[in-house]
Amino acid sequence: MKKVITYGTFDLIHQGHINILKRAKELGDYLVVAISTDEFNKIKNKKAYHSYETRKFILEAIKYVDEVIPEKNWEQKVVDIKNHKIDLFVMGDDWLGKFDFLKPYCEVIYLPRTEGISTSQIKQELQGAKND
């Protein structure tokens, strides 16, 4: 069985999220998704609309996702790869090269992001609509 892992906040789920989860799952048999905890988001100065528990609940309902685990810090990736016997690490290509240090532990692939959609864009558009 080929196991795949990806990481993210996965707030305000949109087509781009579903696309990366679908493509990641197609590269293996079992997809683990690590989502940033609320505490880790604070460290990253990132504000999610939904709580960790809500984001986990939503991700667990997506048919491509087999398991959801918490991402508590930047350093845990090697431990996650070893503990979950991961064969393939997948991230969006906006992170190109940033996770190459994981190559001694598993294959690393950067997938193209879905054009025209992002959580940041959605938040900006909602903020603009609020100010109109």
N, C-alpha and C. Protein backbone atom coordinates (compact mmCIF):
# COMPACT_ATOMS: atom_id res chain seq x y z
N MET A 1 0.83 -1.18 0.00
CA MET A 1 0.00 0.00 0.00
C MET A 1 0.88 1.24 0.00
N LYS A 2 0.61 2.16 -0.92
CA LYS A 2 1.36 3.41 -1.00
C LYS A 2 0.62 4.48 -0.21
N LYS A 3 1.32 5.06 0.79
CA LYS A 3 0.72 6.07 1.66
C LYS A 3 1.24 7.46 1.30
N VAL A 4 0.30 8.40 1.24
CA VAL A 4 0.57 9.78 0.84
C VAL A 4 0.19 10.70 2.00
N ILE A 5 0.96 11.79 2.17
CA ILE A 5 0.61 12.79 3.18
C ILE A 5 0.66 14.18 2.57
N THR A 6 -0.21 15.06 3.03
CA THR A 6 -0.17 16.47 2.68
C THR A 6 -0.51 17.27 3.93
N TYR A 7 -0.16 18.55 3.92
CA TYR A 7 -0.34 19.43 5.06
C TYR A 7 -1.05 20.70 4.64
N GLY A 8 -1.77 21.30 5.57
CA GLY A 8 -2.38 22.59 5.30
C GLY A 8 -3.31 23.02 6.41
N THR A 9 -3.86 24.22 6.26
CA THR A 9 -4.85 24.73 7.21
C THR A 9 -6.24 24.24 6.82
N PHE A 10 -6.51 24.21 5.52
CA PHE A 10 -7.78 23.75 4.98
C PHE A 10 -8.97 24.46 5.61
N ASP A 11 -8.88 25.79 5.64
CA ASP A 11 -9.98 26.62 6.10
C ASP A 11 -10.78 27.06 4.88
N LEU A 12 -12.04 27.27 5.03
CA LEU A 12 -12.92 27.69 3.92
C LEU A 12 -12.71 26.78 2.71
N ILE A 13 -13.01 25.52 2.87
CA ILE A 13 -12.79 24.50 1.83
C ILE A 13 -13.37 24.97 0.49
N HIS A 14 -12.55 24.85 -0.56
CA HIS A 14 -12.96 25.28 -1.90
C HIS A 14 -12.43 24.28 -2.93
N GLN A 15 -12.73 24.54 -4.18
CA GLN A 15 -12.36 23.64 -5.28
C GLN A 15 -10.87 23.34 -5.31
N GLY A 16 -10.04 24.30 -5.02
CA GLY A 16 -8.59 24.08 -5.02
C GLY A 16 -8.18 23.04 -3.99
N HIS A 17 -8.79 23.11 -2.80
CA HIS A 17 -8.51 22.10 -1.78
C HIS A 17 -8.92 20.71 -2.26
N ILE A 18 -10.11 20.62 -2.80
CA ILE A 18 -10.61 19.32 -3.27
C ILE A 18 -9.70 18.79 -4.38
N ASN A 19 -9.28 19.66 -5.28
CA ASN A 19 -8.39 19.23 -6.37
C ASN A 19 -7.08 18.65 -5.85
N ILE A 20 -6.45 19.31 -4.88
CA ILE A 20 -5.17 18.80 -4.39
C ILE A 20 -5.37 17.50 -3.62
N LEU A 21 -6.47 17.39 -2.88
CA LEU A 21 -6.75 16.14 -2.16
C LEU A 21 -7.01 15.00 -3.14
N LYS A 22 -7.76 15.28 -4.18
CA LYS A 22 -8.06 14.26 -5.20
C LYS A 22 -6.79 13.80 -5.90
N ARG A 23 -5.96 14.77 -6.32
CA ARG A 23 -4.72 14.42 -7.02
C ARG A 23 -3.74 13.70 -6.10
N ALA A 24 -3.68 14.11 -4.83
CA ALA A 24 -2.81 13.42 -3.87
C ALA A 24 -3.27 11.98 -3.69
N LYS A 25 -4.56 11.77 -3.54
CA LYS A 25 -5.10 10.42 -3.36
C LYS A 25 -4.83 9.55 -4.59
N GLU A 26 -4.91 10.13 -5.77
CA GLU A 26 -4.66 9.38 -7.01
C GLU A 26 -3.22 8.89 -7.10
N LEU A 27 -2.32 9.50 -6.34
CA LEU A 27 -0.91 9.11 -6.36
C LEU A 27 -0.60 7.95 -5.41
N GLY A 28 -1.59 7.52 -4.65
CA GLY A 28 -1.37 6.42 -3.71
C GLY A 28 -2.66 5.72 -3.37
N ASP A 29 -2.59 4.93 -2.29
CA ASP A 29 -3.74 4.15 -1.86
C ASP A 29 -4.40 4.72 -0.60
N TYR A 30 -3.65 5.48 0.18
CA TYR A 30 -4.12 5.94 1.48
C TYR A 30 -3.61 7.36 1.68
N LEU A 31 -4.52 8.30 1.95
CA LEU A 31 -4.14 9.71 2.10
C LEU A 31 -4.31 10.18 3.54
N VAL A 32 -3.20 10.63 4.11
CA VAL A 32 -3.18 11.25 5.43
C VAL A 32 -3.10 12.76 5.22
N VAL A 33 -3.98 13.50 5.88
CA VAL A 33 -3.97 14.96 5.79
C VAL A 33 -3.68 15.51 7.18
N ALA A 34 -2.59 16.27 7.28
CA ALA A 34 -2.23 16.93 8.53
C ALA A 34 -2.72 18.37 8.46
N ILE A 35 -3.57 18.73 9.40
CA ILE A 35 -4.09 20.10 9.40
C ILE A 35 -3.57 20.87 10.61
N SER A 36 -3.26 22.12 10.36
CA SER A 36 -2.72 22.99 11.40
C SER A 36 -3.72 23.15 12.55
N THR A 37 -3.23 22.94 13.76
CA THR A 37 -4.07 23.19 14.92
C THR A 37 -4.27 24.70 15.08
N ASP A 38 -5.25 25.07 15.90
CA ASP A 38 -5.49 26.49 16.16
C ASP A 38 -4.27 27.13 16.81
N GLU A 39 -3.61 26.39 17.70
CA GLU A 39 -2.42 26.91 18.38
C GLU A 39 -1.27 27.13 17.39
N PHE A 40 -1.09 26.19 16.45
CA PHE A 40 -0.04 26.34 15.46
C PHE A 40 -0.34 27.51 14.52
N ASN A 41 -1.60 27.68 14.16
CA ASN A 41 -1.98 28.83 13.33
C ASN A 41 -1.62 30.14 14.01
N LYS A 42 -1.81 30.23 15.32
CA LYS A 42 -1.44 31.45 16.05
C LYS A 42 0.06 31.72 15.93
N ILE A 43 0.86 30.66 16.06
CA ILE A 43 2.32 30.80 15.93
C ILE A 43 2.68 31.32 14.54
N LYS A 44 1.93 30.86 13.51
CA LYS A 44 2.18 31.27 12.13
C LYS A 44 1.52 32.61 11.79
N ASN A 45 0.88 33.24 12.78
CA ASN A 45 0.11 34.47 12.56
C ASN A 45 -0.96 34.29 11.49
N LYS A 46 -1.61 33.15 11.54
CA LYS A 46 -2.65 32.81 10.58
C LYS A 46 -3.96 32.62 11.34
N LYS A 47 -5.02 33.21 10.83
CA LYS A 47 -6.33 33.11 11.48
C LYS A 47 -7.25 32.28 10.60
N ALA A 48 -7.71 31.17 11.13
CA ALA A 48 -8.68 30.34 10.42
C ALA A 48 -10.08 30.72 10.89
N TYR A 49 -11.03 30.70 9.98
CA TYR A 49 -12.42 30.97 10.34
C TYR A 49 -12.96 29.83 11.19
N HIS A 50 -12.71 28.58 10.74
CA HIS A 50 -13.20 27.40 11.44
C HIS A 50 -12.15 26.89 12.43
N SER A 51 -12.63 26.32 13.52
CA SER A 51 -11.73 25.72 14.51
C SER A 51 -11.09 24.46 13.93
N TYR A 52 -10.04 24.00 14.60
CA TYR A 52 -9.39 22.75 14.20
C TYR A 52 -10.41 21.62 14.13
N GLU A 53 -11.22 21.48 15.16
CA GLU A 53 -12.19 20.37 15.21
C GLU A 53 -13.17 20.43 14.04
N THR A 54 -13.63 21.61 13.68
CA THR A 54 -14.55 21.76 12.56
C THR A 54 -13.85 21.43 11.24
N ARG A 55 -12.63 21.93 11.07
CA ARG A 55 -11.88 21.63 9.84
C ARG A 55 -11.60 20.13 9.72
N LYS A 56 -11.28 19.50 10.84
CA LYS A 56 -11.04 18.05 10.86
C LYS A 56 -12.31 17.31 10.47
N PHE A 57 -13.44 17.70 11.02
CA PHE A 57 -14.74 17.10 10.71
C PHE A 57 -15.04 17.19 9.21
N ILE A 58 -14.82 18.37 8.64
CA ILE A 58 -15.08 18.58 7.21
C ILE A 58 -14.16 17.71 6.37
N LEU A 59 -12.87 17.69 6.69
CA LEU A 59 -11.92 16.89 5.91
C LEU A 59 -12.23 15.40 5.99
N GLU A 60 -12.63 14.93 7.16
CA GLU A 60 -12.96 13.51 7.32
C GLU A 60 -14.15 13.10 6.47
N ALA A 61 -14.98 14.06 6.08
CA ALA A 61 -16.15 13.78 5.25
C ALA A 61 -15.82 13.74 3.75
N ILE A 62 -14.62 14.15 3.38
CA ILE A 62 -14.23 14.17 1.97
C ILE A 62 -13.74 12.78 1.58
N LYS A 63 -14.28 12.25 0.50
CA LYS A 63 -14.03 10.85 0.14
C LYS A 63 -12.58 10.53 -0.17
N TYR A 64 -11.76 11.50 -0.51
CA TYR A 64 -10.36 11.24 -0.85
C TYR A 64 -9.48 11.09 0.40
N VAL A 65 -9.97 11.55 1.55
CA VAL A 65 -9.19 11.59 2.78
C VAL A 65 -9.42 10.33 3.61
N ASP A 66 -8.34 9.65 3.96
CA ASP A 66 -8.45 8.44 4.77
C ASP A 66 -8.20 8.70 6.25
N GLU A 67 -7.37 9.70 6.56
CA GLU A 67 -7.02 9.96 7.95
C GLU A 67 -6.62 11.42 8.09
N VAL A 68 -7.04 12.04 9.20
CA VAL A 68 -6.67 13.42 9.50
C VAL A 68 -5.90 13.43 10.81
N ILE A 69 -4.75 14.11 10.79
CA ILE A 69 -3.93 14.23 12.00
C ILE A 69 -3.62 15.71 12.25
N PRO A 70 -3.30 16.07 13.49
CA PRO A 70 -2.98 17.48 13.78
C PRO A 70 -1.55 17.83 13.39
N GLU A 71 -1.39 19.03 12.84
CA GLU A 71 -0.05 19.59 12.63
C GLU A 71 0.16 20.62 13.73
N LYS A 72 1.10 20.33 14.63
CA LYS A 72 1.32 21.17 15.80
C LYS A 72 2.54 22.08 15.68
N ASN A 73 3.47 21.73 14.76
CA ASN A 73 4.67 22.54 14.58
C ASN A 73 5.33 22.20 13.25
N TRP A 74 6.25 23.08 12.83
CA TRP A 74 6.94 22.90 11.54
C TRP A 74 7.80 21.65 11.53
N GLU A 75 8.36 21.28 12.68
CA GLU A 75 9.36 20.23 12.76
C GLU A 75 8.81 18.81 12.73
N GLN A 76 7.53 18.61 12.84
CA GLN A 76 6.99 17.26 13.03
C GLN A 76 6.92 16.42 11.75
N LYS A 77 7.20 16.97 10.60
CA LYS A 77 6.99 16.24 9.34
C LYS A 77 7.79 14.95 9.25
N VAL A 78 9.04 14.96 9.64
CA VAL A 78 9.86 13.74 9.58
C VAL A 78 9.27 12.67 10.50
N VAL A 79 8.86 13.07 11.68
CA VAL A 79 8.26 12.13 12.63
C VAL A 79 6.96 11.56 12.06
N ASP A 80 6.12 12.42 11.47
CA ASP A 80 4.87 11.96 10.86
C ASP A 80 5.15 10.94 9.75
N ILE A 81 6.13 11.24 8.91
CA ILE A 81 6.47 10.36 7.79
C ILE A 81 6.90 8.99 8.32
N LYS A 82 7.72 8.99 9.35
CA LYS A 82 8.17 7.72 9.93
C LYS A 82 7.04 6.98 10.64
N ASN A 83 6.28 7.69 11.48
CA ASN A 83 5.22 7.05 12.27
C ASN A 83 4.09 6.50 11.42
N HIS A 84 3.80 7.17 10.31
CA HIS A 84 2.68 6.76 9.46
C HIS A 84 3.14 5.96 8.23
N LYS A 85 4.45 5.67 8.19
CA LYS A 85 5.02 4.90 7.08
C LYS A 85 4.63 5.48 5.72
N ILE A 86 4.92 6.77 5.57
CA ILE A 86 4.56 7.54 4.37
C ILE A 86 5.56 7.27 3.25
N ASP A 87 5.03 7.09 2.04
CA ASP A 87 5.84 6.89 0.85
C ASP A 87 6.00 8.17 0.03
N LEU A 88 5.00 9.06 0.12
CA LEU A 88 4.96 10.23 -0.75
C LEU A 88 4.42 11.44 0.01
N PHE A 89 5.17 12.54 -0.05
CA PHE A 89 4.79 13.81 0.54
C PHE A 89 4.34 14.72 -0.61
N VAL A 90 3.15 15.31 -0.50
CA VAL A 90 2.59 16.14 -1.57
C VAL A 90 2.24 17.52 -1.00
N MET A 91 2.64 18.57 -1.75
CA MET A 91 2.26 19.94 -1.42
C MET A 91 2.00 20.70 -2.71
N GLY A 92 1.33 21.84 -2.58
CA GLY A 92 1.12 22.71 -3.72
C GLY A 92 2.44 23.32 -4.18
N ASP A 93 2.51 23.65 -5.47
CA ASP A 93 3.77 24.14 -6.02
C ASP A 93 4.16 25.54 -5.57
N ASP A 94 3.31 26.20 -4.80
CA ASP A 94 3.72 27.46 -4.19
C ASP A 94 4.76 27.22 -3.10
N TRP A 95 4.95 25.97 -2.71
CA TRP A 95 5.96 25.57 -1.72
C TRP A 95 7.17 24.92 -2.39
N LEU A 96 7.28 25.05 -3.70
CA LEU A 96 8.33 24.37 -4.47
C LEU A 96 9.71 24.48 -3.82
N GLY A 97 10.31 23.33 -3.56
CA GLY A 97 11.65 23.26 -2.99
C GLY A 97 11.73 23.35 -1.48
N LYS A 98 10.68 23.84 -0.83
CA LYS A 98 10.71 24.07 0.62
C LYS A 98 10.76 22.78 1.44
N PHE A 99 10.32 21.67 0.86
CA PHE A 99 10.28 20.42 1.61
C PHE A 99 11.19 19.35 1.01
N ASP A 100 12.14 19.78 0.21
CA ASP A 100 13.09 18.83 -0.38
C ASP A 100 13.92 18.12 0.69
N PHE A 101 14.03 18.71 1.88
CA PHE A 101 14.77 18.07 2.97
C PHE A 101 14.13 16.74 3.41
N LEU A 102 12.90 16.50 2.96
CA LEU A 102 12.20 15.25 3.30
C LEU A 102 12.54 14.11 2.35
N LYS A 103 13.26 14.39 1.27
CA LYS A 103 13.56 13.38 0.25
C LYS A 103 14.31 12.15 0.78
N PRO A 104 15.13 12.25 1.82
CA PRO A 104 15.75 11.03 2.36
C PRO A 104 14.73 10.09 3.02
N TYR A 105 13.54 10.61 3.33
CA TYR A 105 12.54 9.83 4.05
C TYR A 105 11.40 9.31 3.17
N CYS A 106 11.11 10.04 2.08
CA CYS A 106 10.03 9.66 1.17
C CYS A 106 10.15 10.48 -0.11
N GLU A 107 9.36 10.13 -1.10
CA GLU A 107 9.30 10.90 -2.34
C GLU A 107 8.57 12.22 -2.05
N VAL A 108 8.98 13.30 -2.69
CA VAL A 108 8.36 14.61 -2.51
C VAL A 108 7.87 15.12 -3.86
N ILE A 109 6.61 15.49 -3.93
CA ILE A 109 6.02 16.00 -5.17
C ILE A 109 5.28 17.30 -4.87
N TYR A 110 5.47 18.29 -5.76
CA TYR A 110 4.76 19.56 -5.67
C TYR A 110 3.76 19.61 -6.82
N LEU A 111 2.48 19.72 -6.49
CA LEU A 111 1.42 19.74 -7.49
C LEU A 111 1.02 21.17 -7.84
N PRO A 112 0.68 21.42 -9.10
CA PRO A 112 0.20 22.76 -9.47
C PRO A 112 -1.07 23.10 -8.71
N ARG A 113 -1.15 24.34 -8.31
CA ARG A 113 -2.36 24.80 -7.60
C ARG A 113 -3.46 25.08 -8.61
N THR A 114 -4.68 25.06 -8.15
CA THR A 114 -5.83 25.39 -9.00
C THR A 114 -5.82 26.89 -9.25
N GLU A 115 -5.84 27.27 -10.51
CA GLU A 115 -5.81 28.69 -10.90
C GLU A 115 -7.10 29.39 -10.47
N GLY A 116 -6.95 30.63 -10.02
CA GLY A 116 -8.10 31.49 -9.79
C GLY A 116 -8.84 31.30 -8.47
N ILE A 117 -8.28 30.48 -7.56
CA ILE A 117 -8.96 30.28 -6.29
C ILE A 117 -7.94 30.06 -5.17
N SER A 118 -8.18 30.71 -4.04
CA SER A 118 -7.38 30.48 -2.84
C SER A 118 -8.18 30.98 -1.65
N THR A 119 -7.86 30.48 -0.48
CA THR A 119 -8.54 30.94 0.73
C THR A 119 -8.27 32.42 0.95
N SER A 120 -7.03 32.86 0.70
CA SER A 120 -6.70 34.28 0.86
C SER A 120 -7.56 35.14 -0.06
N GLN A 121 -7.74 34.69 -1.29
CA GLN A 121 -8.55 35.42 -2.26
C GLN A 121 -10.00 35.51 -1.78
N ILE A 122 -10.53 34.39 -1.30
CA ILE A 122 -11.92 34.38 -0.80
C ILE A 122 -12.07 35.37 0.35
N LYS A 123 -11.13 35.35 1.28
CA LYS A 123 -11.19 36.27 2.43
C LYS A 123 -11.12 37.72 1.98
N GLN A 124 -10.24 38.02 1.01
CA GLN A 124 -10.12 39.38 0.50
C GLN A 124 -11.41 39.82 -0.18
N GLU A 125 -12.00 38.94 -0.99
CA GLU A 125 -13.24 39.28 -1.69
C GLU A 125 -14.39 39.48 -0.70
N LEU A 126 -14.45 38.64 0.33
CA LEU A 126 -15.49 38.82 1.35
C LEU A 126 -15.29 40.13 2.11
N GLN A 127 -14.05 40.47 2.41
CA GLN A 127 -13.74 41.72 3.10
C GLN A 127 -14.15 42.91 2.23
N GLY A 128 -13.87 42.82 0.92
CA GLY A 128 -14.26 43.87 -0.01
C GLY A 128 -15.77 44.04 -0.11
N ALA A 129 -16.49 42.90 -0.11
CA ALA A 129 -17.95 42.93 -0.17
C ALA A 129 -18.52 43.55 1.10
N LYS A 130 -17.86 43.29 2.22
CA LYS A 130 -18.29 43.81 3.52
C LYS A 130 -18.16 45.34 3.55
N ASN A 131 -17.12 45.85 2.85
CA ASN A 131 -16.86 47.29 2.87
C ASN A 131 -17.68 48.04 1.84
N ASP A 132 -18.36 47.33 0.96
CA ASP A 132 -19.17 48.01 -0.08
C ASP A 132 -20.47 48.57 0.47
